[in-house]
Amino acid sequence: MLGPADIADWDADETDRLRAEIRLLPIMRRISDEPHAAREALGPALAARLDGFRRDARRPAHELSRLLEDLRRIHA
């Protein structure tokens, strides 16, 4: 279920869908529950990108799309 953070940056375009999809990935729960283990699984570069997303989710659609693809690839 989406929460207030998901609604706060809703722009009614593709970036909304991408942000929501990223937030619903299992890795987002894992990074909250087990941050060290999740960062190890992602590797330093992808973990840094995900941390950037967590600090400021307002990113261009192409950047969000690449992040989503990379996160899915790691856990495929």
PDB file of N, CA and C in Angstrom:
ATOM      1  N   MET A   1       0.841  -1.177   0.000  1.00  0.00           N
ATOM      2  CA  MET A   1       0.000   0.000   0.000  1.00  0.00           C
ATOM      3  C   MET A   1       0.891   1.247   0.000  1.00  0.00           C
ATOM      4  N   LEU A   2       0.532   2.198  -0.792  1.00  0.00           N
ATOM      5  CA  LEU A   2       1.289   3.435  -0.855  1.00  0.00           C
ATOM      6  C   LEU A   2       0.943   4.317   0.335  1.00  0.00           C
ATOM      7  N   GLY A   3       1.908   5.097   0.768  1.00  0.00           N
ATOM      8  CA  GLY A   3       1.699   5.951   1.926  1.00  0.00           C
ATOM      9  C   GLY A   3       1.845   7.414   1.588  1.00  0.00           C
ATOM     10  N   PRO A   4       1.879   8.277   2.600  1.00  0.00           N
ATOM     11  CA  PRO A   4       1.963   9.725   2.397  1.00  0.00           C
ATOM     12  C   PRO A   4       3.168  10.156   1.576  1.00  0.00           C
ATOM     13  N   ALA A   5       4.306   9.476   1.743  1.00  0.00           N
ATOM     14  CA  ALA A   5       5.501   9.847   0.963  1.00  0.00           C
ATOM     15  C   ALA A   5       5.276   9.610  -0.520  1.00  0.00           C
ATOM     16  N   ASP A   6       4.494   8.600  -0.852  1.00  0.00           N
ATOM     17  CA  ASP A   6       4.214   8.305  -2.251  1.00  0.00           C
ATOM     18  C   ASP A   6       3.278   9.341  -2.857  1.00  0.00           C
ATOM     19  N   ILE A   7       2.372   9.838  -2.070  1.00  0.00           N
ATOM     20  CA  ILE A   7       1.390  10.802  -2.551  1.00  0.00           C
ATOM     21  C   ILE A   7       1.992  12.202  -2.623  1.00  0.00           C
ATOM     22  N   ALA A   8       2.945  12.504  -1.752  1.00  0.00           N
ATOM     23  CA  ALA A   8       3.518  13.850  -1.671  1.00  0.00           C
ATOM     24  C   ALA A   8       4.182  14.302  -2.962  1.00  0.00           C
ATOM     25  N   ASP A   9       4.735  13.370  -3.727  1.00  0.00           N
ATOM     26  CA  ASP A   9       5.426  13.779  -4.949  1.00  0.00           C
ATOM     27  C   ASP A   9       4.717  13.274  -6.206  1.00  0.00           C
ATOM     28  N   TRP A  10       3.406  13.137  -6.134  1.00  0.00           N
ATOM     29  CA  TRP A  10       2.613  12.640  -7.260  1.00  0.00           C
ATOM     30  C   TRP A  10       2.402  13.758  -8.272  1.00  0.00           C
ATOM     31  N   ASP A  11       2.889  13.565  -9.486  1.00  0.00           N
ATOM     32  CA  ASP A  11       2.788  14.576 -10.539  1.00  0.00           C
ATOM     33  C   ASP A  11       1.832  14.197 -11.662  1.00  0.00           C
ATOM     34  N   ALA A  12       1.245  13.018 -11.590  1.00  0.00           N
ATOM     35  CA  ALA A  12       0.322  12.528 -12.619  1.00  0.00           C
ATOM     36  C   ALA A  12       1.005  12.335 -13.964  1.00  0.00           C
ATOM     37  N   ASP A  13       2.214  11.815 -13.938  1.00  0.00           N
ATOM     38  CA  ASP A  13       2.880  11.459 -15.189  1.00  0.00           C
ATOM     39  C   ASP A  13       3.683  10.180 -14.983  1.00  0.00           C
ATOM     40  N   GLU A  14       4.506   9.831 -15.948  1.00  0.00           N
ATOM     41  CA  GLU A  14       5.245   8.572 -15.896  1.00  0.00           C
ATOM     42  C   GLU A  14       6.164   8.481 -14.677  1.00  0.00           C
ATOM     43  N   THR A  15       6.694   9.594 -14.236  1.00  0.00           N
ATOM     44  CA  THR A  15       7.597   9.544 -13.087  1.00  0.00           C
ATOM     45  C   THR A  15       6.885   9.051 -11.831  1.00  0.00           C
ATOM     46  N   ASP A  16       5.595   9.331 -11.706  1.00  0.00           N
ATOM     47  CA  ASP A  16       4.828   8.837 -10.559  1.00  0.00           C
ATOM     48  C   ASP A  16       4.807   7.315 -10.539  1.00  0.00           C
ATOM     49  N   ARG A  17       4.507   6.743 -11.684  1.00  0.00           N
ATOM     50  CA  ARG A  17       4.446   5.284 -11.784  1.00  0.00           C
ATOM     51  C   ARG A  17       5.808   4.671 -11.472  1.00  0.00           C
ATOM     52  N   LEU A  18       6.862   5.257 -12.011  1.00  0.00           N
ATOM     53  CA  LEU A  18       8.205   4.728 -11.788  1.00  0.00           C
ATOM     54  C   LEU A  18       8.598   4.819 -10.312  1.00  0.00           C
ATOM     55  N   ARG A  19       8.316   5.965  -9.677  1.00  0.00           N
ATOM     56  CA  ARG A  19       8.626   6.116  -8.248  1.00  0.00           C
ATOM     57  C   ARG A  19       7.865   5.077  -7.423  1.00  0.00           C
ATOM     58  N   ALA A  20       6.596   4.889  -7.731  1.00  0.00           N
ATOM     59  CA  ALA A  20       5.786   3.920  -6.992  1.00  0.00           C
ATOM     60  C   ALA A  20       6.310   2.502  -7.195  1.00  0.00           C
ATOM     61  N   GLU A  21       6.670   2.153  -8.431  1.00  0.00           N
ATOM     62  CA  GLU A  21       7.196   0.812  -8.692  1.00  0.00           C
ATOM     63  C   GLU A  21       8.487   0.570  -7.924  1.00  0.00           C
ATOM     64  N   ILE A  22       9.355   1.563  -7.883  1.00  0.00           N
ATOM     65  CA  ILE A  22      10.609   1.419  -7.140  1.00  0.00           C
ATOM     66  C   ILE A  22      10.307   1.236  -5.660  1.00  0.00           C
ATOM     67  N   ARG A  23       9.412   2.039  -5.113  1.00  0.00           N
ATOM     68  CA  ARG A  23       9.090   1.959  -3.681  1.00  0.00           C
ATOM     69  C   ARG A  23       8.448   0.634  -3.297  1.00  0.00           C
ATOM     70  N   LEU A  24       7.796  -0.030  -4.236  1.00  0.00           N
ATOM     71  CA  LEU A  24       7.125  -1.293  -3.943  1.00  0.00           C
ATOM     72  C   LEU A  24       8.035  -2.508  -4.097  1.00  0.00           C
ATOM     73  N   LEU A  25       9.249  -2.319  -4.592  1.00  0.00           N
ATOM     74  CA  LEU A  25      10.174  -3.440  -4.750  1.00  0.00           C
ATOM     75  C   LEU A  25      10.573  -3.998  -3.384  1.00  0.00           C
ATOM     76  N   PRO A  26      10.767  -5.308  -3.295  1.00  0.00           N
ATOM     77  CA  PRO A  26      11.182  -5.912  -2.022  1.00  0.00           C
ATOM     78  C   PRO A  26      12.481  -5.319  -1.458  1.00  0.00           C
ATOM     79  N   ILE A  27      13.389  -4.874  -2.323  1.00  0.00           N
ATOM     80  CA  ILE A  27      14.654  -4.319  -1.837  1.00  0.00           C
ATOM     81  C   ILE A  27      14.423  -3.077  -0.987  1.00  0.00           C
ATOM     82  N   MET A  28      13.360  -2.343  -1.235  1.00  0.00           N
ATOM     83  CA  MET A  28      13.082  -1.145  -0.439  1.00  0.00           C
ATOM     84  C   MET A  28      12.726  -1.524   0.999  1.00  0.00           C
ATOM     85  N   ARG A  29      11.983  -2.612   1.164  1.00  0.00           N
ATOM     86  CA  ARG A  29      11.690  -3.091   2.522  1.00  0.00           C
ATOM     87  C   ARG A  29      12.968  -3.611   3.168  1.00  0.00           C
ATOM     88  N   ARG A  30      13.762  -4.322   2.370  1.00  0.00           N
ATOM     89  CA  ARG A  30      14.994  -4.902   2.913  1.00  0.00           C
ATOM     90  C   ARG A  30      15.980  -3.813   3.327  1.00  0.00           C
ATOM     91  N   ILE A  31      16.071  -2.751   2.552  1.00  0.00           N
ATOM     92  CA  ILE A  31      17.017  -1.689   2.894  1.00  0.00           C
ATOM     93  C   ILE A  31      16.587  -0.982   4.179  1.00  0.00           C
ATOM     94  N   SER A  32      15.302  -0.984   4.467  1.00  0.00           N
ATOM     95  CA  SER A  32      14.821  -0.417   5.738  1.00  0.00           C
ATOM     96  C   SER A  32      15.088  -1.370   6.900  1.00  0.00           C
ATOM     97  N   ASP A  33      14.874  -2.673   6.654  1.00  0.00           N
ATOM     98  CA  ASP A  33      15.036  -3.676   7.707  1.00  0.00           C
ATOM     99  C   ASP A  33      16.493  -4.084   7.923  1.00  0.00           C
ATOM    100  N   GLU A  34      17.228  -4.257   6.826  1.00  0.00           N
ATOM    101  CA  GLU A  34      18.615  -4.728   6.875  1.00  0.00           C
ATOM    102  C   GLU A  34      19.484  -3.875   5.954  1.00  0.00           C
ATOM    103  N   PRO A  35      19.745  -2.636   6.314  1.00  0.00           N
ATOM    104  CA  PRO A  35      20.441  -1.736   5.392  1.00  0.00           C
ATOM    105  C   PRO A  35      21.810  -2.239   4.944  1.00  0.00           C
ATOM    106  N   HIS A  36      22.585  -2.797   5.853  1.00  0.00           N
ATOM    107  CA  HIS A  36      23.932  -3.245   5.486  1.00  0.00           C
ATOM    108  C   HIS A  36      23.874  -4.404   4.485  1.00  0.00           C
ATOM    109  N   ALA A  37      23.032  -5.383   4.761  1.00  0.00           N
ATOM    110  CA  ALA A  37      22.903  -6.538   3.871  1.00  0.00           C
ATOM    111  C   ALA A  37      22.365  -6.129   2.503  1.00  0.00           C
ATOM    112  N   ALA A  38      21.410  -5.232   2.492  1.00  0.00           N
ATOM    113  CA  ALA A  38      20.838  -4.781   1.219  1.00  0.00           C
ATOM    114  C   ALA A  38      21.884  -4.042   0.396  1.00  0.00           C
ATOM    115  N   ARG A  39      22.666  -3.188   1.035  1.00  0.00           N
ATOM    116  CA  ARG A  39      23.711  -2.444   0.311  1.00  0.00           C
ATOM    117  C   ARG A  39      24.774  -3.392  -0.235  1.00  0.00           C
ATOM    118  N   GLU A  40      25.102  -4.434   0.529  1.00  0.00           N
ATOM    119  CA  GLU A  40      26.055  -5.434   0.043  1.00  0.00           C
ATOM    120  C   GLU A  40      25.508  -6.142  -1.186  1.00  0.00           C
ATOM    121  N   ALA A  41      24.242  -6.497  -1.163  1.00  0.00           N
ATOM    122  CA  ALA A  41      23.620  -7.197  -2.289  1.00  0.00           C
ATOM    123  C   ALA A  41      23.579  -6.319  -3.535  1.00  0.00           C
ATOM    124  N   LEU A  42      23.397  -5.023  -3.347  1.00  0.00           N
ATOM    125  CA  LEU A  42      23.294  -4.104  -4.479  1.00  0.00           C
ATOM    126  C   LEU A  42      24.644  -3.711  -5.047  1.00  0.00           C
ATOM    127  N   GLY A  43      25.655  -3.684  -4.219  1.00  0.00           N
ATOM    128  CA  GLY A  43      26.949  -3.157  -4.639  1.00  0.00           C
ATOM    129  C   GLY A  43      26.984  -1.661  -4.390  1.00  0.00           C
ATOM    130  N   PRO A  44      28.189  -1.094  -4.317  1.00  0.00           N
ATOM    131  CA  PRO A  44      28.312   0.314  -3.920  1.00  0.00           C
ATOM    132  C   PRO A  44      27.651   1.311  -4.874  1.00  0.00           C
ATOM    133  N   ALA A  45      27.782   1.113  -6.164  1.00  0.00           N
ATOM    134  CA  ALA A  45      27.238   2.090  -7.120  1.00  0.00           C
ATOM    135  C   ALA A  45      25.712   2.109  -7.094  1.00  0.00           C
ATOM    136  N   LEU A  46      25.100   0.934  -7.166  1.00  0.00           N
ATOM    137  CA  LEU A  46      23.635   0.868  -7.174  1.00  0.00           C
ATOM    138  C   LEU A  46      23.071   1.272  -5.812  1.00  0.00           C
ATOM    139  N   ALA A  47      23.752   0.904  -4.739  1.00  0.00           N
ATOM    140  CA  ALA A  47      23.311   1.316  -3.402  1.00  0.00           C
ATOM    141  C   ALA A  47      23.331   2.837  -3.277  1.00  0.00           C
ATOM    142  N   ALA A  48      24.353   3.475  -3.835  1.00  0.00           N
ATOM    143  CA  ALA A  48      24.431   4.943  -3.791  1.00  0.00           C
ATOM    144  C   ALA A  48      23.293   5.569  -4.590  1.00  0.00           C
ATOM    145  N   ARG A  49      22.980   4.994  -5.751  1.00  0.00           N
ATOM    146  CA  ARG A  49      21.857   5.512  -6.551  1.00  0.00           C
ATOM    147  C   ARG A  49      20.540   5.363  -5.797  1.00  0.00           C
ATOM    148  N   LEU A  50      20.360   4.223  -5.132  1.00  0.00           N
ATOM    149  CA  LEU A  50      19.128   4.000  -4.374  1.00  0.00           C
ATOM    150  C   LEU A  50      19.051   4.949  -3.180  1.00  0.00           C
ATOM    151  N   ASP A  51      20.171   5.194  -2.520  1.00  0.00           N
ATOM    152  CA  ASP A  51      20.191   6.168  -1.420  1.00  0.00           C
ATOM    153  C   ASP A  51      19.808   7.558  -1.926  1.00  0.00           C
ATOM    154  N   GLY A  52      20.313   7.926  -3.100  1.00  0.00           N
ATOM    155  CA  GLY A  52      19.949   9.211  -3.698  1.00  0.00           C
ATOM    156  C   GLY A  52      18.458   9.292  -3.964  1.00  0.00           C
ATOM    157  N   PHE A  53      17.882   8.205  -4.450  1.00  0.00           N
ATOM    158  CA  PHE A  53      16.439   8.148  -4.689  1.00  0.00           C
ATOM    159  C   PHE A  53      15.675   8.294  -3.377  1.00  0.00           C
ATOM    160  N   ARG A  54      16.155   7.639  -2.333  1.00  0.00           N
ATOM    161  CA  ARG A  54      15.461   7.699  -1.047  1.00  0.00           C
ATOM    162  C   ARG A  54      15.502   9.102  -0.454  1.00  0.00           C
ATOM    163  N   ARG A  55      16.572   9.849  -0.718  1.00  0.00           N
ATOM    164  CA  ARG A  55      16.672  11.226  -0.217  1.00  0.00           C
ATOM    165  C   ARG A  55      15.816  12.187  -1.036  1.00  0.00           C
ATOM    166  N   ASP A  56      15.790  11.974  -2.356  1.00  0.00           N
ATOM    167  CA  ASP A  56      15.035  12.862  -3.252  1.00  0.00           C
ATOM    168  C   ASP A  56      14.553  12.047  -4.444  1.00  0.00           C
ATOM    169  N   ALA A  57      13.290  11.651  -4.404  1.00  0.00           N
ATOM    170  CA  ALA A  57      12.728  10.789  -5.440  1.00  0.00           C
ATOM    171  C   ALA A  57      12.360  11.546  -6.710  1.00  0.00           C
ATOM    172  N   ARG A  58      12.401  12.857  -6.668  1.00  0.00           N
ATOM    173  CA  ARG A  58      12.061  13.643  -7.863  1.00  0.00           C
ATOM    174  C   ARG A  58      13.236  13.626  -8.823  1.00  0.00           C
ATOM    175  N   ARG A  59      13.209  12.639  -9.686  1.00  0.00           N
ATOM    176  CA  ARG A  59      14.255  12.441 -10.683  1.00  0.00           C
ATOM    177  C   ARG A  59      13.602  12.416 -12.055  1.00  0.00           C
ATOM    178  N   PRO A  60      14.381  12.661 -13.102  1.00  0.00           N
ATOM    179  CA  PRO A  60      13.827  12.555 -14.458  1.00  0.00           C
ATOM    180  C   PRO A  60      13.391  11.115 -14.743  1.00  0.00           C
ATOM    181  N   ALA A  61      12.414  10.966 -15.611  1.00  0.00           N
ATOM    182  CA  ALA A  61      11.863   9.645 -15.926  1.00  0.00           C
ATOM    183  C   ALA A  61      12.937   8.682 -16.404  1.00  0.00           C
ATOM    184  N   HIS A  62      13.860   9.145 -17.240  1.00  0.00           N
ATOM    185  CA  HIS A  62      14.881   8.230 -17.762  1.00  0.00           C
ATOM    186  C   HIS A  62      15.788   7.713 -16.643  1.00  0.00           C
ATOM    187  N   GLU A  63      16.067   8.540 -15.650  1.00  0.00           N
ATOM    188  CA  GLU A  63      16.897   8.112 -14.520  1.00  0.00           C
ATOM    189  C   GLU A  63      16.140   7.109 -13.648  1.00  0.00           C
ATOM    190  N   LEU A  64      14.865   7.377 -13.401  1.00  0.00           N
ATOM    191  CA  LEU A  64      14.044   6.453 -12.618  1.00  0.00           C
ATOM    192  C   LEU A  64      13.894   5.121 -13.337  1.00  0.00           C
ATOM    193  N   SER A  65      13.708   5.177 -14.635  1.00  0.00           N
ATOM    194  CA  SER A  65      13.555   3.963 -15.428  1.00  0.00           C
ATOM    195  C   SER A  65      14.818   3.105 -15.367  1.00  0.00           C
ATOM    196  N   ARG A  66      15.984   3.728 -15.491  1.00  0.00           N
ATOM    197  CA  ARG A  66      17.252   2.984 -15.409  1.00  0.00           C
ATOM    198  C   ARG A  66      17.436   2.374 -14.020  1.00  0.00           C
ATOM    199  N   LEU A  67      17.097   3.135 -12.987  1.00  0.00           N
ATOM    200  CA  LEU A  67      17.209   2.622 -11.625  1.00  0.00           C
ATOM    201  C   LEU A  67      16.293   1.417 -11.432  1.00  0.00           C
ATOM    202  N   LEU A  68      15.055   1.524 -11.884  1.00  0.00           N
ATOM    203  CA  LEU A  68      14.100   0.425 -11.764  1.00  0.00           C
ATOM    204  C   LEU A  68      14.607  -0.807 -12.507  1.00  0.00           C
ATOM    205  N   GLU A  69      15.091  -0.629 -13.728  1.00  0.00           N
ATOM    206  CA  GLU A  69      15.618  -1.755 -14.512  1.00  0.00           C
ATOM    207  C   GLU A  69      16.798  -2.406 -13.806  1.00  0.00           C
ATOM    208  N   ASP A  70      17.715  -1.604 -13.280  1.00  0.00           N
ATOM    209  CA  ASP A  70      18.889  -2.150 -12.598  1.00  0.00           C
ATOM    210  C   ASP A  70      18.503  -2.887 -11.322  1.00  0.00           C
ATOM    211  N   LEU A  71      17.549  -2.357 -10.574  1.00  0.00           N
ATOM    212  CA  LEU A  71      17.097  -3.031  -9.356  1.00  0.00           C
ATOM    213  C   LEU A  71      16.402  -4.347  -9.690  1.00  0.00           C
ATOM    214  N   ARG A  72      15.608  -4.364 -10.730  1.00  0.00           N
ATOM    215  CA  ARG A  72      14.942  -5.608 -11.148  1.00  0.00           C
ATOM    216  C   ARG A  72      15.963  -6.639 -11.616  1.00  0.00           C
ATOM    217  N   ARG A  73      16.978  -6.191 -12.337  1.00  0.00           N
ATOM    218  CA  ARG A  73      17.994  -7.102 -12.865  1.00  0.00           C
ATOM    219  C   ARG A  73      18.757  -7.775 -11.711  1.00  0.00           C
ATOM    220  N   ILE A  74      19.045  -7.024 -10.670  1.00  0.00           N
ATOM    221  CA  ILE A  74      19.765  -7.568  -9.512  1.00  0.00           C
ATOM    222  C   ILE A  74      18.961  -8.690  -8.859  1.00  0.00           C
ATOM    223  N   HIS A  75      17.654  -8.541  -8.823  1.00  0.00           N
ATOM    224  CA  HIS A  75      16.802  -9.503  -8.114  1.00  0.00           C
ATOM    225  C   HIS A  75      16.021 -10.414  -9.040  1.00  0.00           C
ATOM    226  N   ALA A  76      16.442 -10.523 -10.277  1.00  0.00           N
ATOM    227  CA  ALA A  76      15.750 -11.412 -11.228  1.00  0.00           C
ATOM    228  C   ALA A  76      16.206 -12.849 -11.065  1.00  0.00           C
TER     229      ALA A  76
END
